[in-house]
Amino acid sequence: MKIRSAAFLVSSAICAAALTTASTQAVELNPAAVVAKTPDQIPWKPVDARGIQVAVLQGDPSKPGPYIVMAKWTKGNHFSHPHFHPNDRFITVLSGTWYVGSGTKFDPQNSTVAMKPGSFVTHYGKQVHWDGAKDEDAVILIVGDGPATETLVAETK
């Protein structure tokens, strides 16, 4: 009986060690099938004068063709001013609260709609809008078709 118990304990320990070793070994993905980046590998640019930080995930927003960008609007009432883009843009709020306004009347405190995480927004091409962050950082994911130029529009009071 003791031999069976000892044998069971030894075999259980060997199985546990094998499972632990198998689960801690690095798995390599086939780069022809999958390319992945962890948050620390995402190439964020420095925060610009408008209070926005950008990371291009796919494509090149300055050229024709599809692109995917993450943008972080930093807290502190940082907003774009009324503008439009030539093409539609599809935006998902990933974290924080992102504020969206439309038209030429620029009034971030009274004329914006708060978009919480999980919200989805479409900026239609050639339609005037503006957006930003107030008291917390807001990270958004933007999918569009380039070039992603921005044309400023005169503000009204």
C-alpha atoms as a PDB file:
ATOM      1  CA  MET A   1       0.000   0.000   0.000  1.00  0.00           C
ATOM      2  CA  LYS A   2       2.816   2.404   0.888  1.00  0.00           C
ATOM      3  CA  ILE A   3       4.583   1.640  -2.395  1.00  0.00           C
ATOM      4  CA  ARG A   4       1.427   2.450  -4.377  1.00  0.00           C
ATOM      5  CA  SER A   5       0.981   5.701  -2.436  1.00  0.00           C
ATOM      6  CA  ALA A   6       4.593   6.664  -2.979  1.00  0.00           C
ATOM      7  CA  ALA A   7       4.393   5.782  -6.674  1.00  0.00           C
ATOM      8  CA  PHE A   8       1.177   7.807  -6.973  1.00  0.00           C
ATOM      9  CA  LEU A   9       2.801  10.807  -5.281  1.00  0.00           C
ATOM     10  CA  VAL A  10       5.889  10.602  -7.496  1.00  0.00           C
ATOM     11  CA  SER A  11       3.852  10.271 -10.697  1.00  0.00           C
ATOM     12  CA  SER A  12       1.574  13.127  -9.584  1.00  0.00           C
ATOM     13  CA  ALA A  13       4.612  15.318  -8.921  1.00  0.00           C
ATOM     14  CA  ILE A  14       6.077  14.484 -12.344  1.00  0.00           C
ATOM     15  CA  CYS A  15       2.758  15.313 -14.057  1.00  0.00           C
ATOM     16  CA  ALA A  16       2.433  18.567 -12.125  1.00  0.00           C
ATOM     17  CA  ALA A  17       5.992  19.551 -13.026  1.00  0.00           C
ATOM     18  CA  ALA A  18       5.368  18.730 -16.683  1.00  0.00           C
ATOM     19  CA  LEU A  19       2.163  20.786 -16.708  1.00  0.00           C
ATOM     20  CA  THR A  20       3.874  23.717 -14.988  1.00  0.00           C
ATOM     21  CA  THR A  21       6.774  23.603 -17.434  1.00  0.00           C
ATOM     22  CA  ALA A  22       4.427  23.379 -20.404  1.00  0.00           C
ATOM     23  CA  SER A  23       2.348  26.331 -19.240  1.00  0.00           C
ATOM     24  CA  THR A  24       5.331  28.627 -18.636  1.00  0.00           C
ATOM     25  CA  GLN A  25       7.106  27.963 -21.923  1.00  0.00           C
ATOM     26  CA  ALA A  26       6.884  30.794 -24.417  1.00  0.00           C
ATOM     27  CA  VAL A  27       4.609  30.172 -27.349  1.00  0.00           C
ATOM     28  CA  GLU A  28       5.692  31.662 -30.636  1.00  0.00           C
ATOM     29  CA  LEU A  29       3.014  32.775 -33.055  1.00  0.00           C
ATOM     30  CA  ASN A  30       3.466  32.264 -36.760  1.00  0.00           C
ATOM     31  CA  PRO A  31       4.046  35.845 -38.044  1.00  0.00           C
ATOM     32  CA  ALA A  32       2.524  34.838 -41.385  1.00  0.00           C
ATOM     33  CA  ALA A  33      -0.717  34.122 -39.499  1.00  0.00           C
ATOM     34  CA  VAL A  34      -0.747  36.497 -36.522  1.00  0.00           C
ATOM     35  CA  VAL A  35       1.128  39.628 -35.478  1.00  0.00           C
ATOM     36  CA  ALA A  36       0.459  40.866 -31.965  1.00  0.00           C
ATOM     37  CA  LYS A  37       1.738  43.741 -29.855  1.00  0.00           C
ATOM     38  CA  THR A  38       1.435  44.045 -26.120  1.00  0.00           C
ATOM     39  CA  PRO A  39       0.680  47.510 -24.682  1.00  0.00           C
ATOM     40  CA  ASP A  40       4.375  48.156 -23.967  1.00  0.00           C
ATOM     41  CA  GLN A  41       5.201  47.504 -27.660  1.00  0.00           C
ATOM     42  CA  ILE A  42       2.751  50.053 -29.077  1.00  0.00           C
ATOM     43  CA  PRO A  43       4.705  53.011 -30.573  1.00  0.00           C
ATOM     44  CA  TRP A  44       3.124  56.085 -28.918  1.00  0.00           C
ATOM     45  CA  LYS A  45       4.336  59.456 -30.163  1.00  0.00           C
ATOM     46  CA  PRO A  46       4.914  62.273 -27.631  1.00  0.00           C
ATOM     47  CA  VAL A  47       1.933  64.379 -26.538  1.00  0.00           C
ATOM     48  CA  ASP A  48       1.544  67.268 -28.990  1.00  0.00           C
ATOM     49  CA  ALA A  49       0.617  70.905 -28.343  1.00  0.00           C
ATOM     50  CA  ARG A  50      -3.102  70.062 -28.556  1.00  0.00           C
ATOM     51  CA  GLY A  51      -2.786  67.571 -25.696  1.00  0.00           C
ATOM     52  CA  ILE A  52      -3.115  64.481 -27.864  1.00  0.00           C
ATOM     53  CA  GLN A  53      -0.867  61.446 -28.117  1.00  0.00           C
ATOM     54  CA  VAL A  54      -1.116  59.122 -31.128  1.00  0.00           C
ATOM     55  CA  ALA A  55      -0.040  55.562 -31.947  1.00  0.00           C
ATOM     56  CA  VAL A  56      -0.423  54.297 -35.506  1.00  0.00           C
ATOM     57  CA  LEU A  57      -1.362  50.618 -35.324  1.00  0.00           C
ATOM     58  CA  GLN A  58      -1.917  49.865 -39.000  1.00  0.00           C
ATOM     59  CA  GLY A  59      -1.449  51.689 -42.278  1.00  0.00           C
ATOM     60  CA  ASP A  60      -0.379  55.282 -42.746  1.00  0.00           C
ATOM     61  CA  PRO A  61      -3.009  57.959 -42.056  1.00  0.00           C
ATOM     62  CA  SER A  62      -1.134  60.447 -44.255  1.00  0.00           C
ATOM     63  CA  LYS A  63      -1.529  58.262 -47.356  1.00  0.00           C
ATOM     64  CA  PRO A  64      -4.499  56.847 -49.263  1.00  0.00           C
ATOM     65  CA  GLY A  65      -5.754  53.567 -47.840  1.00  0.00           C
ATOM     66  CA  PRO A  66      -7.073  52.110 -44.598  1.00  0.00           C
ATOM     67  CA  TYR A  67      -5.500  52.977 -41.259  1.00  0.00           C
ATOM     68  CA  ILE A  68      -6.031  52.266 -37.561  1.00  0.00           C
ATOM     69  CA  VAL A  69      -4.855  54.735 -34.929  1.00  0.00           C
ATOM     70  CA  MET A  70      -5.139  54.946 -31.172  1.00  0.00           C
ATOM     71  CA  ALA A  71      -5.330  58.469 -29.803  1.00  0.00           C
ATOM     72  CA  LYS A  72      -5.119  59.568 -26.198  1.00  0.00           C
ATOM     73  CA  TRP A  73      -6.685  62.919 -25.409  1.00  0.00           C
ATOM     74  CA  THR A  74      -5.005  64.030 -22.187  1.00  0.00           C
ATOM     75  CA  LYS A  75      -7.014  65.494 -19.342  1.00  0.00           C
ATOM     76  CA  GLY A  76      -7.094  69.241 -18.836  1.00  0.00           C
ATOM     77  CA  ASN A  77      -9.757  70.493 -21.252  1.00  0.00           C
ATOM     78  CA  HIS A  78      -7.812  69.655 -24.391  1.00  0.00           C
ATOM     79  CA  PHE A  79     -10.032  69.950 -27.466  1.00  0.00           C
ATOM     80  CA  SER A  80      -9.673  70.146 -31.196  1.00  0.00           C
ATOM     81  CA  HIS A  81     -11.384  73.141 -32.807  1.00  0.00           C
ATOM     82  CA  PRO A  82     -14.113  72.832 -35.445  1.00  0.00           C
ATOM     83  CA  HIS A  83     -12.765  70.895 -38.407  1.00  0.00           C
ATOM     84  CA  PHE A  84     -13.602  68.145 -40.853  1.00  0.00           C
ATOM     85  CA  HIS A  85     -11.881  65.223 -42.537  1.00  0.00           C
ATOM     86  CA  PRO A  86     -12.298  64.183 -46.188  1.00  0.00           C
ATOM     87  CA  ASN A  87     -13.465  60.646 -45.347  1.00  0.00           C
ATOM     88  CA  ASP A  88     -15.601  58.909 -42.739  1.00  0.00           C
ATOM     89  CA  ARG A  89     -13.881  57.891 -39.497  1.00  0.00           C
ATOM     90  CA  PHE A  90     -15.131  55.220 -37.111  1.00  0.00           C
ATOM     91  CA  ILE A  91     -14.202  55.680 -33.472  1.00  0.00           C
ATOM     92  CA  THR A  92     -14.542  53.460 -30.403  1.00  0.00           C
ATOM     93  CA  VAL A  93     -13.884  54.829 -26.913  1.00  0.00           C
ATOM     94  CA  LEU A  94     -11.514  52.440 -25.127  1.00  0.00           C
ATOM     95  CA  SER A  95     -11.105  54.238 -21.799  1.00  0.00           C
ATOM     96  CA  GLY A  96     -11.954  57.486 -20.070  1.00  0.00           C
ATOM     97  CA  THR A  97     -14.627  59.914 -21.209  1.00  0.00           C
ATOM     98  CA  TRP A  98     -14.292  61.469 -24.642  1.00  0.00           C
ATOM     99  CA  TYR A  99     -16.392  64.545 -25.437  1.00  0.00           C
ATOM    100  CA  VAL A 100     -17.818  65.157 -28.903  1.00  0.00           C
ATOM    101  CA  GLY A 101     -19.282  68.332 -30.388  1.00  0.00           C
ATOM    102  CA  SER A 102     -20.498  69.241 -33.861  1.00  0.00           C
ATOM    103  CA  GLY A 103     -20.944  72.391 -35.909  1.00  0.00           C
ATOM    104  CA  THR A 104     -18.955  75.606 -35.911  1.00  0.00           C
ATOM    105  CA  LYS A 105     -20.007  76.851 -32.454  1.00  0.00           C
ATOM    106  CA  PHE A 106     -17.073  75.847 -30.237  1.00  0.00           C
ATOM    107  CA  ASP A 107     -18.264  75.515 -26.630  1.00  0.00           C
ATOM    108  CA  PRO A 108     -16.650  72.494 -24.917  1.00  0.00           C
ATOM    109  CA  GLN A 109     -18.281  73.133 -21.546  1.00  0.00           C
ATOM    110  CA  ASN A 110     -21.884  73.339 -22.789  1.00  0.00           C
ATOM    111  CA  SER A 111     -22.078  71.814 -26.273  1.00  0.00           C
ATOM    112  CA  THR A 112     -20.500  68.372 -26.027  1.00  0.00           C
ATOM    113  CA  VAL A 113     -21.812  64.868 -25.478  1.00  0.00           C
ATOM    114  CA  ALA A 114     -19.872  62.581 -23.128  1.00  0.00           C
ATOM    115  CA  MET A 115     -18.855  59.258 -24.666  1.00  0.00           C
ATOM    116  CA  LYS A 116     -17.973  56.566 -22.119  1.00  0.00           C
ATOM    117  CA  PRO A 117     -15.869  53.424 -22.781  1.00  0.00           C
ATOM    118  CA  GLY A 118     -17.514  51.176 -25.347  1.00  0.00           C
ATOM    119  CA  SER A 119     -19.202  54.084 -27.133  1.00  0.00           C
ATOM    120  CA  PHE A 120     -19.008  54.104 -30.935  1.00  0.00           C
ATOM    121  CA  VAL A 121     -18.941  57.345 -32.928  1.00  0.00           C
ATOM    122  CA  THR A 122     -18.903  58.001 -36.678  1.00  0.00           C
ATOM    123  CA  HIS A 123     -17.409  61.234 -37.966  1.00  0.00           C
ATOM    124  CA  TYR A 124     -18.824  61.595 -41.456  1.00  0.00           C
ATOM    125  CA  GLY A 125     -16.511  62.960 -44.116  1.00  0.00           C
ATOM    126  CA  LYS A 126     -16.702  66.713 -44.785  1.00  0.00           C
ATOM    127  CA  GLN A 127     -18.941  67.288 -41.724  1.00  0.00           C
ATOM    128  CA  VAL A 128     -17.770  69.723 -39.028  1.00  0.00           C
ATOM    129  CA  HIS A 129     -17.037  68.363 -35.572  1.00  0.00           C
ATOM    130  CA  TRP A 130     -14.644  68.815 -32.645  1.00  0.00           C
ATOM    131  CA  ASP A 131     -13.769  66.683 -29.649  1.00  0.00           C
ATOM    132  CA  GLY A 132     -11.457  66.154 -26.703  1.00  0.00           C
ATOM    133  CA  ALA A 133     -11.068  65.406 -23.015  1.00  0.00           C
ATOM    134  CA  LYS A 134     -11.965  67.288 -19.862  1.00  0.00           C
ATOM    135  CA  ASP A 135     -11.031  65.922 -16.440  1.00  0.00           C
ATOM    136  CA  GLU A 136      -9.594  62.521 -17.400  1.00  0.00           C
ATOM    137  CA  ASP A 137      -7.555  61.005 -20.206  1.00  0.00           C
ATOM    138  CA  ALA A 138      -9.617  59.447 -22.989  1.00  0.00           C
ATOM    139  CA  VAL A 139      -8.216  56.747 -25.266  1.00  0.00           C
ATOM    140  CA  ILE A 140      -9.989  56.177 -28.572  1.00  0.00           C
ATOM    141  CA  LEU A 141      -9.496  53.822 -31.495  1.00  0.00           C
ATOM    142  CA  ILE A 142      -9.921  55.434 -34.917  1.00  0.00           C
ATOM    143  CA  VAL A 143     -10.437  53.438 -38.118  1.00  0.00           C
ATOM    144  CA  GLY A 144     -10.546  55.315 -41.386  1.00  0.00           C
ATOM    145  CA  ASP A 145      -9.476  55.656 -44.974  1.00  0.00           C
ATOM    146  CA  GLY A 146      -6.622  58.047 -45.627  1.00  0.00           C
ATOM    147  CA  PRO A 147      -5.382  60.513 -46.148  1.00  0.00           C
ATOM    148  CA  ALA A 148      -6.638  61.679 -42.763  1.00  0.00           C
ATOM    149  CA  THR A 149      -6.192  65.376 -43.334  1.00  0.00           C
ATOM    150  CA  GLU A 150      -7.898  67.942 -41.131  1.00  0.00           C
ATOM    151  CA  THR A 151      -9.441  71.155 -42.447  1.00  0.00           C
ATOM    152  CA  LEU A 152     -10.113  73.818 -39.825  1.00  0.00           C
ATOM    153  CA  VAL A 153     -13.367  75.766 -40.042  1.00  0.00           C
ATOM    154  CA  ALA A 154     -14.065  79.283 -38.763  1.00  0.00           C
ATOM    155  CA  GLU A 155     -15.717  79.201 -35.332  1.00  0.00           C
ATOM    156  CA  THR A 156     -18.960  80.988 -34.533  1.00  0.00           C
ATOM    157  CA  LYS A 157     -19.919  82.415 -31.178  1.00  0.00           C
END
